[in-house]
């Protein structure tokens, strides 16, 4: 099994580099998408949706951490 080593890309907020580690039909489950109103069941389906979710989540983080 190949180890997912996307942490450096995630820390750099390089969504495209992180997505390169995922299949097109990825199923991402977390309580956060539901919390921010992105997915009512907390499930993000597919790489395209995961890209949108991460961009939206990172925008929220930036708004919350900007001075």
PDB file of N, CA and C in Angstrom:
ATOM      1  N   UNK A   1       0.841  -1.183   0.000  1.00  0.00           N
ATOM      2  CA  UNK A   1       0.000   0.000   0.000  1.00  0.00           C
ATOM      3  C   UNK A   1       0.886   1.247   0.000  1.00  0.00           C
ATOM      4  N   UNK A   2       0.614   2.153  -0.896  1.00  0.00           N
ATOM      5  CA  UNK A   2       1.385   3.388  -1.007  1.00  0.00           C
ATOM      6  C   UNK A   2       0.961   4.354   0.098  1.00  0.00           C
ATOM      7  N   UNK A   3       1.939   4.940   0.741  1.00  0.00           N
ATOM      8  CA  UNK A   3       1.672   5.891   1.809  1.00  0.00           C
ATOM      9  C   UNK A   3       1.310   7.249   1.205  1.00  0.00           C
ATOM     10  N   UNK A   4       0.253   7.838   1.723  1.00  0.00           N
ATOM     11  CA  UNK A   4      -0.169   9.161   1.283  1.00  0.00           C
ATOM     12  C   UNK A   4       0.762  10.196   1.898  1.00  0.00           C
ATOM     13  N   UNK A   5       1.503  10.907   1.068  1.00  0.00           N
ATOM     14  CA  UNK A   5       2.429  11.908   1.561  1.00  0.00           C
ATOM     15  C   UNK A   5       2.037  13.279   1.014  1.00  0.00           C
ATOM     16  N   UNK A   6       0.838  13.689   1.334  1.00  0.00           N
ATOM     17  CA  UNK A   6       0.327  14.956   0.844  1.00  0.00           C
ATOM     18  C   UNK A   6       0.469  16.072   1.875  1.00  0.00           C
ATOM     19  N   UNK A   7       1.010  15.769   3.039  1.00  0.00           N
ATOM     20  CA  UNK A   7       1.090  16.761   4.110  1.00  0.00           C
ATOM     21  C   UNK A   7       1.866  18.020   3.717  1.00  0.00           C
ATOM     22  N   UNK A   8       3.047  17.900   3.085  1.00  0.00           N
ATOM     23  CA  UNK A   8       3.734  19.142   2.684  1.00  0.00           C
ATOM     24  C   UNK A   8       2.885  20.004   1.743  1.00  0.00           C
ATOM     25  N   UNK A   9       2.193  19.376   0.814  1.00  0.00           N
ATOM     26  CA  UNK A   9       1.334  20.127  -0.105  1.00  0.00           C
ATOM     27  C   UNK A   9       0.167  20.758   0.645  1.00  0.00           C
ATOM     28  N   UNK A  10      -0.409  20.014   1.592  1.00  0.00           N
ATOM     29  CA  UNK A  10      -1.521  20.564   2.371  1.00  0.00           C
ATOM     30  C   UNK A  10      -1.054  21.759   3.192  1.00  0.00           C
ATOM     31  N   UNK A  11       0.089  21.637   3.829  1.00  0.00           N
ATOM     32  CA  UNK A  11       0.616  22.737   4.635  1.00  0.00           C
ATOM     33  C   UNK A  11       0.902  23.973   3.790  1.00  0.00           C
ATOM     34  N   UNK A  12       1.223  23.750   2.525  1.00  0.00           N
ATOM     35  CA  UNK A  12       1.455  24.857   1.592  1.00  0.00           C
ATOM     36  C   UNK A  12       0.147  25.364   0.990  1.00  0.00           C
ATOM     37  N   UNK A  13      -0.953  24.733   1.343  1.00  0.00           N
ATOM     38  CA  UNK A  13      -2.292  25.060   0.814  1.00  0.00           C
ATOM     39  C   UNK A  13      -2.350  24.886  -0.699  1.00  0.00           C
ATOM     40  N   UNK A  14      -1.622  23.887  -1.202  1.00  0.00           N
ATOM     41  CA  UNK A  14      -1.582  23.574  -2.633  1.00  0.00           C
ATOM     42  C   UNK A  14      -2.610  22.479  -2.904  1.00  0.00           C
ATOM     43  N   UNK A  15      -3.839  22.891  -3.096  1.00  0.00           N
ATOM     44  CA  UNK A  15      -4.945  21.948  -3.262  1.00  0.00           C
ATOM     45  C   UNK A  15      -4.720  21.011  -4.440  1.00  0.00           C
ATOM     46  N   UNK A  16      -4.213  21.526  -5.551  1.00  0.00           N
ATOM     47  CA  UNK A  16      -4.002  20.675  -6.725  1.00  0.00           C
ATOM     48  C   UNK A  16      -2.980  19.578  -6.444  1.00  0.00           C
ATOM     49  N   UNK A  17      -1.930  19.902  -5.721  1.00  0.00           N
ATOM     50  CA  UNK A  17      -0.923  18.887  -5.385  1.00  0.00           C
ATOM     51  C   UNK A  17      -1.499  17.838  -4.441  1.00  0.00           C
ATOM     52  N   UNK A  18      -2.348  18.247  -3.533  1.00  0.00           N
ATOM     53  CA  UNK A  18      -2.993  17.285  -2.626  1.00  0.00           C
ATOM     54  C   UNK A  18      -3.935  16.392  -3.426  1.00  0.00           C
ATOM     55  N   UNK A  19      -4.717  16.985  -4.306  1.00  0.00           N
ATOM     56  CA  UNK A  19      -5.673  16.213  -5.099  1.00  0.00           C
ATOM     57  C   UNK A  19      -5.002  15.177  -5.986  1.00  0.00           C
ATOM     58  N   UNK A  20      -3.757  15.416  -6.344  1.00  0.00           N
ATOM     59  CA  UNK A  20      -3.028  14.458  -7.182  1.00  0.00           C
ATOM     60  C   UNK A  20      -2.888  13.104  -6.488  1.00  0.00           C
ATOM     61  N   UNK A  21      -3.067  13.066  -5.189  1.00  0.00           N
ATOM     62  CA  UNK A  21      -2.964  11.827  -4.420  1.00  0.00           C
ATOM     63  C   UNK A  21      -4.276  11.046  -4.383  1.00  0.00           C
ATOM     64  N   UNK A  22      -5.348  11.596  -4.957  1.00  0.00           N
ATOM     65  CA  UNK A  22      -6.667  10.993  -4.873  1.00  0.00           C
ATOM     66  C   UNK A  22      -7.185  10.567  -6.242  1.00  0.00           C
ATOM     67  N   UNK A  23      -7.967   9.506  -6.273  1.00  0.00           N
ATOM     68  CA  UNK A  23      -8.629   9.058  -7.496  1.00  0.00           C
ATOM     69  C   UNK A  23      -9.766  10.010  -7.841  1.00  0.00           C
ATOM     70  N   UNK A  24     -10.184   9.984  -9.084  1.00  0.00           N
ATOM     71  CA  UNK A  24     -11.303  10.820  -9.519  1.00  0.00           C
ATOM     72  C   UNK A  24     -12.584  10.526  -8.755  1.00  0.00           C
ATOM     73  N   UNK A  25     -12.765   9.278  -8.344  1.00  0.00           N
ATOM     74  CA  UNK A  25     -14.003   8.893  -7.663  1.00  0.00           C
ATOM     75  C   UNK A  25     -13.828   8.827  -6.140  1.00  0.00           C
ATOM     76  N   UNK A  26     -12.956   9.673  -5.602  1.00  0.00           N
ATOM     77  CA  UNK A  26     -12.703   9.699  -4.167  1.00  0.00           C
ATOM     78  C   UNK A  26     -13.998   9.911  -3.377  1.00  0.00           C
ATOM     79  N   UNK A  27     -14.061   9.289  -2.232  1.00  0.00           N
ATOM     80  CA  UNK A  27     -15.168   9.480  -1.297  1.00  0.00           C
ATOM     81  C   UNK A  27     -14.540   9.987  -0.004  1.00  0.00           C
ATOM     82  N   UNK A  28     -14.770  11.251   0.324  1.00  0.00           N
ATOM     83  CA  UNK A  28     -14.163  11.907   1.478  1.00  0.00           C
ATOM     84  C   UNK A  28     -15.248  12.131   2.514  1.00  0.00           C
ATOM     85  N   UNK A  29     -15.065  11.568   3.706  1.00  0.00           N
ATOM     86  CA  UNK A  29     -16.073  11.660   4.756  1.00  0.00           C
ATOM     87  C   UNK A  29     -15.465  12.353   5.968  1.00  0.00           C
ATOM     88  N   UNK A  30     -16.135  13.396   6.425  1.00  0.00           N
ATOM     89  CA  UNK A  30     -15.674  14.170   7.570  1.00  0.00           C
ATOM     90  C   UNK A  30     -16.865  14.961   8.108  1.00  0.00           C
ATOM     91  N   UNK A  31     -16.886  15.286   9.386  1.00  0.00           N
ATOM     92  CA  UNK A  31     -17.975  16.120   9.892  1.00  0.00           C
ATOM     93  C   UNK A  31     -17.859  17.579   9.442  1.00  0.00           C
ATOM     94  N   UNK A  32     -16.692  17.993   8.980  1.00  0.00           N
ATOM     95  CA  UNK A  32     -16.485  19.403   8.634  1.00  0.00           C
ATOM     96  C   UNK A  32     -17.332  19.855   7.438  1.00  0.00           C
ATOM     97  N   UNK A  33     -17.424  19.084   6.346  1.00  0.00           N
ATOM     98  CA  UNK A  33     -18.269  19.547   5.233  1.00  0.00           C
ATOM     99  C   UNK A  33     -19.712  19.828   5.675  1.00  0.00           C
ATOM    100  N   UNK A  34     -20.207  19.025   6.581  1.00  0.00           N
ATOM    101  CA  UNK A  34     -21.562  19.252   7.090  1.00  0.00           C
ATOM    102  C   UNK A  34     -21.597  20.506   7.955  1.00  0.00           C
ATOM    103  N   UNK A  35     -20.594  20.683   8.781  1.00  0.00           N
ATOM    104  CA  UNK A  35     -20.533  21.831   9.689  1.00  0.00           C
ATOM    105  C   UNK A  35     -20.530  23.151   8.937  1.00  0.00           C
ATOM    106  N   UNK A  36     -19.828  23.209   7.812  1.00  0.00           N
ATOM    107  CA  UNK A  36     -19.753  24.475   7.061  1.00  0.00           C
ATOM    108  C   UNK A  36     -20.831  24.576   5.983  1.00  0.00           C
ATOM    109  N   UNK A  37     -21.722  23.596   5.923  1.00  0.00           N
ATOM    110  CA  UNK A  37     -22.832  23.651   4.980  1.00  0.00           C
ATOM    111  C   UNK A  37     -22.486  23.222   3.569  1.00  0.00           C
ATOM    112  N   UNK A  38     -21.410  22.477   3.404  1.00  0.00           N
ATOM    113  CA  UNK A  38     -21.011  22.038   2.066  1.00  0.00           C
ATOM    114  C   UNK A  38     -21.700  20.744   1.667  1.00  0.00           C
ATOM    115  N   UNK A  39     -21.816  19.810   2.597  1.00  0.00           N
ATOM    116  CA  UNK A  39     -22.436  18.507   2.303  1.00  0.00           C
ATOM    117  C   UNK A  39     -23.296  18.122   3.491  1.00  0.00           C
ATOM    118  N   UNK A  40     -24.569  17.929   3.269  1.00  0.00           N
ATOM    119  CA  UNK A  40     -25.499  17.692   4.375  1.00  0.00           C
ATOM    120  C   UNK A  40     -25.198  16.429   5.164  1.00  0.00           C
ATOM    121  N   UNK A  41     -24.555  15.454   4.525  1.00  0.00           N
ATOM    122  CA  UNK A  41     -24.231  14.211   5.231  1.00  0.00           C
ATOM    123  C   UNK A  41     -22.747  14.091   5.573  1.00  0.00           C
ATOM    124  N   UNK A  42     -21.970  15.130   5.304  1.00  0.00           N
ATOM    125  CA  UNK A  42     -20.541  15.100   5.608  1.00  0.00           C
ATOM    126  C   UNK A  42     -19.715  14.333   4.596  1.00  0.00           C
ATOM    127  N   UNK A  43     -20.315  13.976   3.461  1.00  0.00           N
ATOM    128  CA  UNK A  43     -19.616  13.189   2.451  1.00  0.00           C
ATOM    129  C   UNK A  43     -19.398  14.022   1.192  1.00  0.00           C
ATOM    130  N   UNK A  44     -18.156  14.076   0.750  1.00  0.00           N
ATOM    131  CA  UNK A  44     -17.800  14.776  -0.483  1.00  0.00           C
ATOM    132  C   UNK A  44     -17.433  13.702  -1.499  1.00  0.00           C
ATOM    133  N   UNK A  45     -18.117  13.699  -2.634  1.00  0.00           N
ATOM    134  CA  UNK A  45     -17.951  12.642  -3.639  1.00  0.00           C
ATOM    135  C   UNK A  45     -17.263  13.183  -4.891  1.00  0.00           C
ATOM    136  N   UNK A  46     -16.119  12.608  -5.206  1.00  0.00           N
ATOM    137  CA  UNK A  46     -15.414  12.954  -6.435  1.00  0.00           C
ATOM    138  C   UNK A  46     -14.375  14.041  -6.233  1.00  0.00           C
ATOM    139  N   UNK A  47     -13.354  13.975  -7.076  1.00  0.00           N
ATOM    140  CA  UNK A  47     -12.237  14.922  -6.975  1.00  0.00           C
ATOM    141  C   UNK A  47     -12.685  16.359  -7.229  1.00  0.00           C
ATOM    142  N   UNK A  48     -13.586  16.554  -8.192  1.00  0.00           N
ATOM    143  CA  UNK A  48     -14.049  17.912  -8.498  1.00  0.00           C
ATOM    144  C   UNK A  48     -14.744  18.527  -7.275  1.00  0.00           C
ATOM    145  N   UNK A  49     -15.599  17.765  -6.631  1.00  0.00           N
ATOM    146  CA  UNK A  49     -16.291  18.261  -5.432  1.00  0.00           C
ATOM    147  C   UNK A  49     -15.315  18.465  -4.277  1.00  0.00           C
ATOM    148  N   UNK A  50     -14.332  17.582  -4.158  1.00  0.00           N
ATOM    149  CA  UNK A  50     -13.339  17.721  -3.102  1.00  0.00           C
ATOM    150  C   UNK A  50     -12.525  18.999  -3.298  1.00  0.00           C
ATOM    151  N   UNK A  51     -12.210  19.325  -4.536  1.00  0.00           N
ATOM    152  CA  UNK A  51     -11.503  20.577  -4.851  1.00  0.00           C
ATOM    153  C   UNK A  51     -12.335  21.774  -4.390  1.00  0.00           C
ATOM    154  N   UNK A  52     -13.608  21.781  -4.758  1.00  0.00           N
ATOM    155  CA  UNK A  52     -14.490  22.894  -4.362  1.00  0.00           C
ATOM    156  C   UNK A  52     -14.584  22.998  -2.843  1.00  0.00           C
ATOM    157  N   UNK A  53     -14.750  21.840  -2.182  1.00  0.00           N
ATOM    158  CA  UNK A  53     -14.865  21.828  -0.727  1.00  0.00           C
ATOM    159  C   UNK A  53     -13.607  22.397  -0.079  1.00  0.00           C
ATOM    160  N   UNK A  54     -12.432  21.913  -0.488  1.00  0.00           N
ATOM    161  CA  UNK A  54     -11.206  22.396   0.134  1.00  0.00           C
ATOM    162  C   UNK A  54     -10.983  23.879  -0.120  1.00  0.00           C
ATOM    163  N   UNK A  55     -11.298  24.354  -1.324  1.00  0.00           N
ATOM    164  CA  UNK A  55     -11.153  25.784  -1.588  1.00  0.00           C
ATOM    165  C   UNK A  55     -12.094  26.583  -0.684  1.00  0.00           C
ATOM    166  N   UNK A  56     -13.311  26.108  -0.532  1.00  0.00           N
ATOM    167  CA  UNK A  56     -14.277  26.792   0.324  1.00  0.00           C
ATOM    168  C   UNK A  56     -13.831  26.766   1.787  1.00  0.00           C
ATOM    169  N   UNK A  57     -13.387  25.613   2.250  1.00  0.00           N
ATOM    170  CA  UNK A  57     -12.935  25.482   3.635  1.00  0.00           C
ATOM    171  C   UNK A  57     -11.716  26.363   3.901  1.00  0.00           C
ATOM    172  N   UNK A  58     -10.767  26.391   2.962  1.00  0.00           N
ATOM    173  CA  UNK A  58      -9.585  27.222   3.150  1.00  0.00           C
ATOM    174  C   UNK A  58      -9.938  28.710   3.144  1.00  0.00           C
ATOM    175  N   UNK A  59     -10.927  29.097   2.353  1.00  0.00           N
ATOM    176  CA  UNK A  59     -11.374  30.494   2.355  1.00  0.00           C
ATOM    177  C   UNK A  59     -11.960  30.861   3.715  1.00  0.00           C
ATOM    178  N   UNK A  60     -12.700  29.949   4.309  1.00  0.00           N
ATOM    179  CA  UNK A  60     -13.266  30.191   5.642  1.00  0.00           C
ATOM    180  C   UNK A  60     -12.142  30.323   6.665  1.00  0.00           C
ATOM    181  N   UNK A  61     -11.161  29.450   6.574  1.00  0.00           N
ATOM    182  CA  UNK A  61     -10.023  29.517   7.503  1.00  0.00           C
ATOM    183  C   UNK A  61      -9.310  30.845   7.362  1.00  0.00           C
ATOM    184  N   UNK A  62      -9.085  31.287   6.131  1.00  0.00           N
ATOM    185  CA  UNK A  62      -8.392  32.562   5.914  1.00  0.00           C
ATOM    186  C   UNK A  62      -9.193  33.728   6.502  1.00  0.00           C
ATOM    187  N   UNK A  63     -10.526  33.709   6.316  1.00  0.00           N
ATOM    188  CA  UNK A  63     -11.354  34.781   6.870  1.00  0.00           C
ATOM    189  C   UNK A  63     -11.295  34.796   8.394  1.00  0.00           C
ATOM    190  N   UNK A  64     -11.223  33.610   8.988  1.00  0.00           N
ATOM    191  CA  UNK A  64     -11.218  33.512  10.452  1.00  0.00           C
ATOM    192  C   UNK A  64      -9.859  33.852  11.053  1.00  0.00           C
ATOM    193  N   UNK A  65      -8.806  33.747  10.265  1.00  0.00           N
ATOM    194  CA  UNK A  65      -7.477  33.974  10.811  1.00  0.00           C
ATOM    195  C   UNK A  65      -6.841  35.264  10.340  1.00  0.00           C
ATOM    196  N   UNK A  66      -7.525  35.990   9.461  1.00  0.00           N
ATOM    197  CA  UNK A  66      -6.973  37.261   8.980  1.00  0.00           C
ATOM    198  C   UNK A  66      -7.157  38.327  10.056  1.00  0.00           C
ATOM    199  N   UNK A  67      -6.151  39.190  10.176  1.00  0.00           N
ATOM    200  CA  UNK A  67      -6.256  40.261  11.190  1.00  0.00           C
ATOM    201  C   UNK A  67      -7.300  41.290  10.839  1.00  0.00           C
TER     202      UNK A  67
END
